[in-house]
Structure formats: structure tokens, C-alpha cells
PDB file of all heavy atoms in Angstrom:
ATOM      1  N   ALA A   1      -2.194  -1.185 -10.008  1.00  0.00           N
ATOM      2  CA  ALA A   1      -1.014  -0.348 -10.217  1.00  0.00           C
ATOM      3  C   ALA A   1       0.132  -0.857  -9.361  1.00  0.00           C
ATOM      4  O   ALA A   1      -0.069  -1.500  -8.326  1.00  0.00           O
ATOM      5  CB  ALA A   1      -1.320   1.108  -9.865  1.00  0.00           C
ATOM      6  N   PHE A   2       1.346  -0.544  -9.816  1.00  0.00           N
ATOM      7  CA  PHE A   2       2.555  -0.767  -9.028  1.00  0.00           C
ATOM      8  C   PHE A   2       2.941   0.541  -8.350  1.00  0.00           C
ATOM      9  O   PHE A   2       2.820   1.621  -8.945  1.00  0.00           O
ATOM     10  CB  PHE A   2       3.713  -1.234  -9.909  1.00  0.00           C
ATOM     11  CG  PHE A   2       3.563  -2.614 -10.469  1.00  0.00           C
ATOM     12  CD1 PHE A   2       3.193  -2.802 -11.789  1.00  0.00           C
ATOM     13  CD2 PHE A   2       3.792  -3.729  -9.671  1.00  0.00           C
ATOM     14  CE1 PHE A   2       3.057  -4.082 -12.311  1.00  0.00           C
ATOM     15  CE2 PHE A   2       3.659  -5.007 -10.181  1.00  0.00           C
ATOM     16  CZ  PHE A   2       3.282  -5.187 -11.503  1.00  0.00           C
ATOM     17  N   LEU A   3       3.434   0.450  -7.113  1.00  0.00           N
ATOM     18  CA  LEU A   3       3.915   1.608  -6.376  1.00  0.00           C
ATOM     19  C   LEU A   3       5.341   1.342  -5.918  1.00  0.00           C
ATOM     20  O   LEU A   3       5.612   0.304  -5.309  1.00  0.00           O
ATOM     21  CB  LEU A   3       3.058   1.890  -5.136  1.00  0.00           C
ATOM     22  CG  LEU A   3       1.669   2.496  -5.294  1.00  0.00           C
ATOM     23  CD1 LEU A   3       0.690   1.516  -5.935  1.00  0.00           C
ATOM     24  CD2 LEU A   3       1.126   2.937  -3.933  1.00  0.00           C
ATOM     25  N   ASP A   4       6.246   2.263  -6.215  1.00  0.00           N
ATOM     26  CA  ASP A   4       7.603   2.202  -5.684  1.00  0.00           C
ATOM     27  C   ASP A   4       7.593   2.921  -4.339  1.00  0.00           C
ATOM     28  O   ASP A   4       7.453   4.148  -4.272  1.00  0.00           O
ATOM     29  CB  ASP A   4       8.567   2.889  -6.656  1.00  0.00           C
ATOM     30  CG  ASP A   4      10.020   2.829  -6.189  1.00  0.00           C
ATOM     31  OD1 ASP A   4      10.247   2.605  -4.981  1.00  0.00           O
ATOM     32  OD2 ASP A   4      10.910   3.015  -7.021  1.00  0.00           O
ATOM     33  N   VAL A   5       7.700   2.155  -3.251  1.00  0.00           N
ATOM     34  CA  VAL A   5       7.621   2.735  -1.899  1.00  0.00           C
ATOM     35  C   VAL A   5       8.992   2.793  -1.223  1.00  0.00           C
ATOM     36  O   VAL A   5       9.082   2.940  -0.005  1.00  0.00           O
ATOM     37  CB  VAL A   5       6.624   1.938  -1.028  1.00  0.00           C
ATOM     38  CG1 VAL A   5       5.220   2.047  -1.583  1.00  0.00           C
ATOM     39  CG2 VAL A   5       7.044   0.467  -0.900  1.00  0.00           C
ATOM     40  N   SER A   6      10.058   2.711  -2.025  1.00  0.00           N
ATOM     41  CA  SER A   6      11.406   2.672  -1.449  1.00  0.00           C
ATOM     42  C   SER A   6      11.752   3.950  -0.693  1.00  0.00           C
ATOM     43  O   SER A   6      12.568   3.926   0.235  1.00  0.00           O
ATOM     44  CB  SER A   6      12.443   2.415  -2.548  1.00  0.00           C
ATOM     45  OG  SER A   6      12.365   3.416  -3.554  1.00  0.00           O
ATOM     46  N   ALA A   7      11.125   5.073  -1.074  1.00  0.00           N
ATOM     47  CA  ALA A   7      11.435   6.346  -0.415  1.00  0.00           C
ATOM     48  C   ALA A   7      10.277   6.838   0.456  1.00  0.00           C
ATOM     49  O   ALA A   7      10.297   7.983   0.909  1.00  0.00           O
ATOM     50  CB  ALA A   7      11.778   7.396  -1.465  1.00  0.00           C
ATOM     51  N   ALA A   8       9.278   5.989   0.672  1.00  0.00           N
ATOM     52  CA  ALA A   8       8.086   6.433   1.402  1.00  0.00           C
ATOM     53  C   ALA A   8       8.121   6.088   2.882  1.00  0.00           C
ATOM     54  O   ALA A   8       7.243   6.488   3.640  1.00  0.00           O
ATOM     55  CB  ALA A   8       6.834   5.820   0.765  1.00  0.00           C
ATOM     56  N   GLY A   9       9.131   5.341   3.319  1.00  0.00           N
ATOM     57  CA  GLY A   9       9.144   4.828   4.678  1.00  0.00           C
ATOM     58  C   GLY A   9       9.207   5.893   5.749  1.00  0.00           C
ATOM     59  O   GLY A   9       8.561   5.772   6.800  1.00  0.00           O
ATOM     60  N   ARG A  10       9.955   6.965   5.512  1.00  0.00           N
ATOM     61  CA  ARG A  10      10.123   7.976   6.559  1.00  0.00           C
ATOM     62  C   ARG A  10       8.785   8.606   6.925  1.00  0.00           C
ATOM     63  O   ARG A  10       8.502   8.855   8.098  1.00  0.00           O
ATOM     64  CB  ARG A  10      11.107   9.043   6.086  1.00  0.00           C
ATOM     65  CG  ARG A  10      11.338  10.159   7.108  1.00  0.00           C
ATOM     66  CD  ARG A  10      12.467  11.070   6.672  1.00  0.00           C
ATOM     67  NE  ARG A  10      13.743  10.357   6.591  1.00  0.00           N
ATOM     68  CZ  ARG A  10      14.887  10.922   6.216  1.00  0.00           C
ATOM     69  NH1 ARG A  10      14.908  12.204   5.879  1.00  0.00           N
ATOM     70  NH2 ARG A  10      16.004  10.218   6.170  1.00  0.00           N
ATOM     71  N   GLN A  11       7.939   8.871   5.926  1.00  0.00           N
ATOM     72  CA  GLN A  11       6.660   9.515   6.199  1.00  0.00           C
ATOM     73  C   GLN A  11       5.568   8.513   6.541  1.00  0.00           C
ATOM     74  O   GLN A  11       4.741   8.759   7.414  1.00  0.00           O
ATOM     75  CB  GLN A  11       6.216  10.357   4.992  1.00  0.00           C
ATOM     76  CG  GLN A  11       4.855  11.034   5.202  1.00  0.00           C
ATOM     77  CD  GLN A  11       4.411  11.820   3.974  1.00  0.00           C
ATOM     78  OE1 GLN A  11       5.144  11.906   2.987  1.00  0.00           O
ATOM     79  NE2 GLN A  11       3.225  12.381   4.043  1.00  0.00           N
ATOM     80  N   TRP A  12       5.573   7.362   5.855  1.00  0.00           N
ATOM     81  CA  TRP A  12       4.426   6.460   5.927  1.00  0.00           C
ATOM     82  C   TRP A  12       4.677   5.195   6.740  1.00  0.00           C
ATOM     83  O   TRP A  12       3.738   4.442   6.990  1.00  0.00           O
ATOM     84  CB  TRP A  12       4.007   6.075   4.503  1.00  0.00           C
ATOM     85  CG  TRP A  12       3.448   7.242   3.752  1.00  0.00           C
ATOM     86  CD1 TRP A  12       4.132   8.123   2.956  1.00  0.00           C
ATOM     87  CD2 TRP A  12       2.103   7.687   3.759  1.00  0.00           C
ATOM     88  NE1 TRP A  12       3.282   9.066   2.459  1.00  0.00           N
ATOM     89  CE2 TRP A  12       2.020   8.823   2.925  1.00  0.00           C
ATOM     90  CE3 TRP A  12       0.943   7.216   4.371  1.00  0.00           C
ATOM     91  CZ2 TRP A  12       0.841   9.513   2.698  1.00  0.00           C
ATOM     92  CZ3 TRP A  12      -0.253   7.900   4.147  1.00  0.00           C
ATOM     93  CH2 TRP A  12      -0.295   9.040   3.320  1.00  0.00           C
ATOM     94  N   GLY A  13       5.889   4.910   7.131  1.00  0.00           N
ATOM     95  CA  GLY A  13       6.141   3.690   7.870  1.00  0.00           C
ATOM     96  C   GLY A  13       6.593   2.578   6.946  1.00  0.00           C
ATOM     97  O   GLY A  13       6.897   2.796   5.771  1.00  0.00           O
ATOM     98  N   ASP A  14       6.625   1.364   7.459  1.00  0.00           N
ATOM     99  CA  ASP A  14       7.129   0.246   6.666  1.00  0.00           C
ATOM    100  C   ASP A  14       6.080  -0.212   5.648  1.00  0.00           C
ATOM    101  O   ASP A  14       4.942   0.253   5.645  1.00  0.00           O
ATOM    102  CB  ASP A  14       7.576  -0.904   7.573  1.00  0.00           C
ATOM    103  CG  ASP A  14       6.421  -1.546   8.319  1.00  0.00           C
ATOM    104  OD1 ASP A  14       5.252  -1.309   7.954  1.00  0.00           O
ATOM    105  OD2 ASP A  14       6.683  -2.309   9.267  1.00  0.00           O
ATOM    106  N   PRO A  15       6.444  -1.116   4.722  1.00  0.00           N
ATOM    107  CA  PRO A  15       5.522  -1.536   3.666  1.00  0.00           C
ATOM    108  C   PRO A  15       4.212  -2.119   4.189  1.00  0.00           C
ATOM    109  O   PRO A  15       3.157  -1.942   3.562  1.00  0.00           O
ATOM    110  CB  PRO A  15       6.335  -2.583   2.882  1.00  0.00           C
ATOM    111  CG  PRO A  15       7.756  -2.191   3.113  1.00  0.00           C
ATOM    112  CD  PRO A  15       7.810  -1.677   4.509  1.00  0.00           C
ATOM    113  N   ALA A  16       4.266  -2.823   5.316  1.00  0.00           N
ATOM    114  CA  ALA A  16       3.031  -3.380   5.875  1.00  0.00           C
ATOM    115  C   ALA A  16       2.075  -2.276   6.278  1.00  0.00           C
ATOM    116  O   ALA A  16       0.853  -2.363   6.040  1.00  0.00           O
ATOM    117  CB  ALA A  16       3.356  -4.273   7.070  1.00  0.00           C
ATOM    118  N   ALA A  17       2.602  -1.207   6.883  1.00  0.00           N
ATOM    119  CA  ALA A  17       1.764  -0.083   7.288  1.00  0.00           C
ATOM    120  C   ALA A  17       1.192   0.637   6.078  1.00  0.00           C
ATOM    121  O   ALA A  17       0.014   1.025   6.057  1.00  0.00           O
ATOM    122  CB  ALA A  17       2.571   0.881   8.149  1.00  0.00           C
ATOM    123  N   ILE A  18       2.013   0.807   5.049  1.00  0.00           N
ATOM    124  CA  ILE A  18       1.540   1.471   3.824  1.00  0.00           C
ATOM    125  C   ILE A  18       0.428   0.654   3.168  1.00  0.00           C
ATOM    126  O   ILE A  18      -0.622   1.185   2.794  1.00  0.00           O
ATOM    127  CB  ILE A  18       2.713   1.673   2.843  1.00  0.00           C
ATOM    128  CG1 ILE A  18       3.741   2.641   3.434  1.00  0.00           C
ATOM    129  CG2 ILE A  18       2.198   2.202   1.507  1.00  0.00           C
ATOM    130  CD1 ILE A  18       5.012   2.745   2.617  1.00  0.00           C
ATOM    131  N   GLY A  19       0.671  -0.652   3.028  1.00  0.00           N
ATOM    132  CA  GLY A  19      -0.338  -1.508   2.397  1.00  0.00           C
ATOM    133  C   GLY A  19      -1.650  -1.495   3.155  1.00  0.00           C
ATOM    134  O   GLY A  19      -2.730  -1.448   2.555  1.00  0.00           O
ATOM    135  N   GLN A  20      -1.577  -1.538   4.484  1.00  0.00           N
ATOM    136  CA  GLN A  20      -2.805  -1.545   5.280  1.00  0.00           C
ATOM    137  C   GLN A  20      -3.542  -0.219   5.167  1.00  0.00           C
ATOM    138  O   GLN A  20      -4.773  -0.188   5.093  1.00  0.00           O
ATOM    139  CB  GLN A  20      -2.487  -1.840   6.749  1.00  0.00           C
ATOM    140  CG  GLN A  20      -3.731  -2.107   7.597  1.00  0.00           C
ATOM    141  CD  GLN A  20      -4.520  -3.288   7.065  1.00  0.00           C
ATOM    142  OE1 GLN A  20      -3.975  -4.356   6.821  1.00  0.00           O
ATOM    143  NE2 GLN A  20      -5.816  -3.080   6.858  1.00  0.00           N
ATOM    144  N   TRP A  21      -2.787   0.896   5.132  1.00  0.00           N
ATOM    145  CA  TRP A  21      -3.440   2.201   4.973  1.00  0.00           C
ATOM    146  C   TRP A  21      -4.144   2.298   3.632  1.00  0.00           C
ATOM    147  O   TRP A  21      -5.270   2.816   3.545  1.00  0.00           O
ATOM    148  CB  TRP A  21      -2.403   3.319   5.104  1.00  0.00           C
ATOM    149  CG  TRP A  21      -3.026   4.686   4.987  1.00  0.00           C
ATOM    150  CD1 TRP A  21      -3.649   5.401   5.958  1.00  0.00           C
ATOM    151  CD2 TRP A  21      -3.101   5.474   3.789  1.00  0.00           C
ATOM    152  NE1 TRP A  21      -4.104   6.594   5.448  1.00  0.00           N
ATOM    153  CE2 TRP A  21      -3.790   6.666   4.121  1.00  0.00           C
ATOM    154  CE3 TRP A  21      -2.658   5.294   2.481  1.00  0.00           C
ATOM    155  CZ2 TRP A  21      -4.030   7.675   3.190  1.00  0.00           C
ATOM    156  CZ3 TRP A  21      -2.910   6.288   1.544  1.00  0.00           C
ATOM    157  CH2 TRP A  21      -3.591   7.465   1.903  1.00  0.00           C
ATOM    158  N   ILE A  22      -3.509   1.811   2.589  1.00  0.00           N
ATOM    159  CA  ILE A  22      -4.140   1.842   1.270  1.00  0.00           C
ATOM    160  C   ILE A  22      -5.429   1.020   1.286  1.00  0.00           C
ATOM    161  O   ILE A  22      -6.485   1.474   0.809  1.00  0.00           O
ATOM    162  CB  ILE A  22      -3.170   1.318   0.193  1.00  0.00           C
ATOM    163  CG1 ILE A  22      -2.048   2.335  -0.043  1.00  0.00           C
ATOM    164  CG2 ILE A  22      -3.908   1.031  -1.115  1.00  0.00           C
ATOM    165  CD1 ILE A  22      -0.945   1.826  -0.949  1.00  0.00           C
ATOM    166  N   ARG A  23      -5.379  -0.175   1.843  1.00  0.00           N
ATOM    167  CA  ARG A  23      -6.565  -1.027   1.873  1.00  0.00           C
ATOM    168  C   ARG A  23      -7.692  -0.370   2.669  1.00  0.00           C
ATOM    169  O   ARG A  23      -8.855  -0.368   2.250  1.00  0.00           O
ATOM    170  CB  ARG A  23      -6.220  -2.392   2.465  1.00  0.00           C
ATOM    171  CG  ARG A  23      -5.266  -3.206   1.593  1.00  0.00           C
ATOM    172  CD  ARG A  23      -4.939  -4.551   2.209  1.00  0.00           C
ATOM    173  NE  ARG A  23      -6.144  -5.341   2.354  1.00  0.00           N
ATOM    174  CZ  ARG A  23      -6.529  -5.967   3.465  1.00  0.00           C
ATOM    175  NH1 ARG A  23      -5.774  -5.901   4.547  1.00  0.00           N
ATOM    176  NH2 ARG A  23      -7.622  -6.666   3.492  1.00  0.00           N
ATOM    177  N   ASP A  24      -7.364   0.189   3.828  1.00  0.00           N
ATOM    178  CA  ASP A  24      -8.379   0.832   4.658  1.00  0.00           C
ATOM    179  C   ASP A  24      -8.968   2.059   3.976  1.00  0.00           C
ATOM    180  O   ASP A  24     -10.190   2.286   4.026  1.00  0.00           O
ATOM    181  CB  ASP A  24      -7.776   1.245   6.006  1.00  0.00           C
ATOM    182  CG  ASP A  24      -7.410   0.063   6.882  1.00  0.00           C
ATOM    183  OD1 ASP A  24      -7.901  -1.053   6.599  1.00  0.00           O
ATOM    184  OD2 ASP A  24      -6.630   0.244   7.837  1.00  0.00           O
ATOM    185  N   THR A  25      -8.120   2.844   3.314  1.00  0.00           N
ATOM    186  CA  THR A  25      -8.586   4.076   2.693  1.00  0.00           C
ATOM    187  C   THR A  25      -9.471   3.785   1.482  1.00  0.00           C
ATOM    188  O   THR A  25     -10.505   4.440   1.281  1.00  0.00           O
ATOM    189  CB  THR A  25      -7.388   4.957   2.283  1.00  0.00           C
ATOM    190  OG1 THR A  25      -6.561   5.178   3.428  1.00  0.00           O
ATOM    191  CG2 THR A  25      -7.852   6.298   1.743  1.00  0.00           C
ATOM    192  N   VAL A  26      -9.071   2.825   0.663  1.00  0.00           N
ATOM    193  CA  VAL A  26      -9.907   2.440  -0.480  1.00  0.00           C
ATOM    194  C   VAL A  26     -11.272   1.940   0.002  1.00  0.00           C
ATOM    195  O   VAL A  26     -12.320   2.302  -0.550  1.00  0.00           O
ATOM    196  CB  VAL A  26      -9.194   1.377  -1.336  1.00  0.00           C
ATOM    197  CG1 VAL A  26     -10.154   0.784  -2.367  1.00  0.00           C
ATOM    198  CG2 VAL A  26      -7.977   1.971  -2.039  1.00  0.00           C
ATOM    199  N   ALA A  27     -11.268   1.128   1.041  1.00  0.00           N
ATOM    200  CA  ALA A  27     -12.537   0.603   1.564  1.00  0.00           C
ATOM    201  C   ALA A  27     -13.406   1.711   2.141  1.00  0.00           C
ATOM    202  O   ALA A  27     -14.624   1.762   1.900  1.00  0.00           O
ATOM    203  CB  ALA A  27     -12.259  -0.462   2.627  1.00  0.00           C
ATOM    204  N   ASP A  28     -12.806   2.628   2.891  1.00  0.00           N
ATOM    205  CA  ASP A  28     -13.573   3.697   3.527  1.00  0.00           C
ATOM    206  C   ASP A  28     -14.111   4.704   2.517  1.00  0.00           C
ATOM    207  O   ASP A  28     -15.269   5.124   2.607  1.00  0.00           O
ATOM    208  CB  ASP A  28     -12.704   4.430   4.555  1.00  0.00           C
ATOM    209  CG  ASP A  28     -12.395   3.584   5.775  1.00  0.00           C
ATOM    210  OD1 ASP A  28     -13.076   2.556   5.958  1.00  0.00           O
ATOM    211  OD2 ASP A  28     -11.464   3.936   6.520  1.00  0.00           O
ATOM    212  N   GLU A  29     -13.256   5.115   1.559  1.00  0.00           N
ATOM    213  CA  GLU A  29     -13.643   6.191   0.653  1.00  0.00           C
ATOM    214  C   GLU A  29     -14.400   5.703  -0.580  1.00  0.00           C
ATOM    215  O   GLU A  29     -15.274   6.415  -1.087  1.00  0.00           O
ATOM    216  CB  GLU A  29     -12.402   6.971   0.214  1.00  0.00           C
ATOM    217  CG  GLU A  29     -11.708   7.703   1.361  1.00  0.00           C
ATOM    218  CD  GLU A  29     -10.563   8.565   0.879  1.00  0.00           C
ATOM    219  OE1 GLU A  29     -10.314   8.605  -0.346  1.00  0.00           O
ATOM    220  OE2 GLU A  29      -9.913   9.193   1.730  1.00  0.00           O
ATOM    221  N   GLN A  30     -14.067   4.509  -1.069  1.00  0.00           N
ATOM    222  CA  GLN A  30     -14.687   4.038  -2.313  1.00  0.00           C
ATOM    223  C   GLN A  30     -15.625   2.853  -2.108  1.00  0.00           C
ATOM    224  O   GLN A  30     -16.291   2.416  -3.039  1.00  0.00           O
ATOM    225  CB  GLN A  30     -13.600   3.671  -3.328  1.00  0.00           C
ATOM    226  CG  GLN A  30     -12.684   4.833  -3.681  1.00  0.00           C
ATOM    227  CD  GLN A  30     -13.454   6.041  -4.197  1.00  0.00           C
ATOM    228  OE1 GLN A  30     -14.373   5.895  -4.996  1.00  0.00           O
ATOM    229  NE2 GLN A  30     -13.084   7.234  -3.733  1.00  0.00           N
ATOM    230  N   ARG A  31     -15.640   2.284  -0.912  1.00  0.00           N
ATOM    231  CA  ARG A  31     -16.557   1.190  -0.550  1.00  0.00           C
ATOM    232  C   ARG A  31     -16.330  -0.069  -1.398  1.00  0.00           C
ATOM    233  O   ARG A  31     -17.255  -0.821  -1.686  1.00  0.00           O
ATOM    234  CB  ARG A  31     -18.013   1.640  -0.646  1.00  0.00           C
ATOM    235  CG  ARG A  31     -18.368   2.745   0.344  1.00  0.00           C
ATOM    236  CD  ARG A  31     -19.798   3.192   0.176  1.00  0.00           C
ATOM    237  NE  ARG A  31     -19.989   3.854  -1.112  1.00  0.00           N
ATOM    238  CZ  ARG A  31     -21.122   3.815  -1.801  1.00  0.00           C
ATOM    239  NH1 ARG A  31     -22.155   3.115  -1.355  1.00  0.00           N
ATOM    240  NH2 ARG A  31     -21.214   4.454  -2.953  1.00  0.00           N
ATOM    241  N   ILE A  32     -15.074  -0.269  -1.826  1.00  0.00           N
ATOM    242  CA  ILE A  32     -14.690  -1.505  -2.491  1.00  0.00           C
ATOM    243  C   ILE A  32     -13.431  -2.018  -1.811  1.00  0.00           C
ATOM    244  O   ILE A  32     -12.790  -1.288  -1.047  1.00  0.00           O
ATOM    245  CB  ILE A  32     -14.454  -1.325  -4.006  1.00  0.00           C
ATOM    246  CG1 ILE A  32     -13.320  -0.327  -4.255  1.00  0.00           C
ATOM    247  CG2 ILE A  32     -15.727  -0.877  -4.707  1.00  0.00           C
ATOM    248  CD1 ILE A  32     -12.949  -0.180  -5.726  1.00  0.00           C
ATOM    249  N   THR A  33     -13.052  -3.262  -2.086  1.00  0.00           N
ATOM    250  CA  THR A  33     -11.862  -3.834  -1.449  1.00  0.00           C
ATOM    251  C   THR A  33     -10.751  -4.016  -2.470  1.00  0.00           C
ATOM    252  O   THR A  33     -10.989  -4.068  -3.682  1.00  0.00           O
ATOM    253  CB  THR A  33     -12.175  -5.188  -0.794  1.00  0.00           C
ATOM    254  OG1 THR A  33     -12.548  -6.132  -1.806  1.00  0.00           O
ATOM    255  CG2 THR A  33     -13.308  -5.050   0.219  1.00  0.00           C
ATOM    256  N   CYS A  34      -9.531  -4.117  -1.952  1.00  0.00           N
ATOM    257  CA  CYS A  34      -8.383  -4.370  -2.821  1.00  0.00           C
ATOM    258  C   CYS A  34      -7.432  -5.322  -2.117  1.00  0.00           C
ATOM    259  O   CYS A  34      -7.485  -5.492  -0.895  1.00  0.00           O
ATOM    260  CB  CYS A  34      -7.663  -3.073  -3.180  1.00  0.00           C
ATOM    261  SG  CYS A  34      -6.940  -2.185  -1.780  1.00  0.00           S
ATOM    262  N   SER A  35      -6.575  -5.943  -2.900  1.00  0.00           N
ATOM    263  CA  SER A  35      -5.547  -6.837  -2.372  1.00  0.00           C
ATOM    264  C   SER A  35      -4.181  -6.237  -2.676  1.00  0.00           C
ATOM    265  O   SER A  35      -3.978  -5.642  -3.736  1.00  0.00           O
ATOM    266  CB  SER A  35      -5.672  -8.231  -2.987  1.00  0.00           C
ATOM    267  OG  SER A  35      -6.919  -8.808  -2.642  1.00  0.00           O
ATOM    268  N   VAL A  36      -3.257  -6.406  -1.742  1.00  0.00           N
ATOM    269  CA  VAL A  36      -1.933  -5.802  -1.862  1.00  0.00           C
ATOM    270  C   VAL A  36      -0.867  -6.884  -1.791  1.00  0.00           C
ATOM    271  O   VAL A  36      -0.893  -7.745  -0.903  1.00  0.00           O
ATOM    272  CB  VAL A  36      -1.699  -4.775  -0.737  1.00  0.00           C
ATOM    273  CG1 VAL A  36      -0.276  -4.211  -0.805  1.00  0.00           C
ATOM    274  CG2 VAL A  36      -2.718  -3.647  -0.816  1.00  0.00           C
ATOM    275  N   GLY A  37       0.051  -6.826  -2.744  1.00  0.00           N
ATOM    276  CA  GLY A  37       1.226  -7.682  -2.710  1.00  0.00           C
ATOM    277  C   GLY A  37       2.470  -6.827  -2.660  1.00  0.00           C
ATOM    278  O   GLY A  37       2.509  -5.758  -3.279  1.00  0.00           O
ATOM    279  N   GLY A  38       3.466  -7.268  -1.926  1.00  0.00           N
ATOM    280  CA  GLY A  38       4.705  -6.510  -1.832  1.00  0.00           C
ATOM    281  C   GLY A  38       5.911  -7.416  -1.968  1.00  0.00           C
ATOM    282  O   GLY A  38       5.883  -8.571  -1.531  1.00  0.00           O
ATOM    283  N   ALA A  39       6.967  -6.895  -2.596  1.00  0.00           N
ATOM    284  CA  ALA A  39       8.178  -7.695  -2.823  1.00  0.00           C
ATOM    285  C   ALA A  39       9.295  -6.762  -3.261  1.00  0.00           C
ATOM    286  O   ALA A  39       9.071  -5.571  -3.495  1.00  0.00           O
ATOM    287  CB  ALA A  39       7.916  -8.761  -3.896  1.00  0.00           C
ATOM    288  N   PRO A  40      10.503  -7.291  -3.411  1.00  0.00           N
ATOM    289  CA  PRO A  40      11.599  -6.464  -3.935  1.00  0.00           C
ATOM    290  C   PRO A  40      11.467  -6.186  -5.429  1.00  0.00           C
ATOM    291  O   PRO A  40      12.186  -5.325  -5.950  1.00  0.00           O
ATOM    292  CB  PRO A  40      12.850  -7.308  -3.646  1.00  0.00           C
ATOM    293  CG  PRO A  40      12.431  -8.291  -2.602  1.00  0.00           C
ATOM    294  CD  PRO A  40      10.998  -8.575  -2.877  1.00  0.00           C
ATOM    295  N   THR A  41      10.602  -6.919  -6.152  1.00  0.00           N
ATOM    296  CA  THR A  41      10.467  -6.746  -7.601  1.00  0.00           C
ATOM    297  C   THR A  41       8.992  -6.692  -7.991  1.00  0.00           C
ATOM    298  O   THR A  41       8.109  -7.170  -7.266  1.00  0.00           O
ATOM    299  CB  THR A  41      11.119  -7.911  -8.366  1.00  0.00           C
ATOM    300  OG1 THR A  41      10.391  -9.120  -8.086  1.00  0.00           O
ATOM    301  CG2 THR A  41      12.574  -8.100  -7.960  1.00  0.00           C
ATOM    302  N   LYS A  42       8.746  -6.141  -9.182  1.00  0.00           N
ATOM    303  CA  LYS A  42       7.379  -6.032  -9.675  1.00  0.00           C
ATOM    304  C   LYS A  42       6.746  -7.400  -9.903  1.00  0.00           C
ATOM    305  O   LYS A  42       5.585  -7.634  -9.547  1.00  0.00           O
ATOM    306  CB  LYS A  42       7.360  -5.230 -10.986  1.00  0.00           C
ATOM    307  CG  LYS A  42       7.588  -3.750 -10.806  1.00  0.00           C
ATOM    308  CD  LYS A  42       7.809  -3.038 -12.138  1.00  0.00           C
ATOM    309  CE  LYS A  42       6.625  -3.134 -13.069  1.00  0.00           C
ATOM    310  NZ  LYS A  42       6.851  -2.314 -14.294  1.00  0.00           N
ATOM    311  N   ALA A  43       7.494  -8.315 -10.508  1.00  0.00           N
ATOM    312  CA  ALA A  43       6.932  -9.618 -10.859  1.00  0.00           C
ATOM    313  C   ALA A  43       6.473 -10.375  -9.620  1.00  0.00           C
ATOM    314  O   ALA A  43       5.371 -10.952  -9.597  1.00  0.00           O
ATOM    315  CB  ALA A  43       7.951 -10.442 -11.632  1.00  0.00           C
TER     316      ALA A  43
END
């Protein structure tokens, strides 16, 4: 999935912090791994 995090910084921190939280949470709760890419555009 794509996530628009342009308005999430105040609560969640910068994109690196958001990406790391997602990776940690998926691993902890679902016991699988994921990869995260971030950029100014979807492509």
C-alpha cells in the first residue's frame, strides 16, 4: 500500500520514524517482515 504521511509528522515524527514503527509493528504483531520506501512521489 501507499501511505500519504504529509500530515502525520506532528503525531508520529519524521518519515524515518514512521517507517521504522510500521516495520517493527508488523514484525511484532504479525510475525512477518516488510520493506518500506519513501519519496516525494508514489513512483
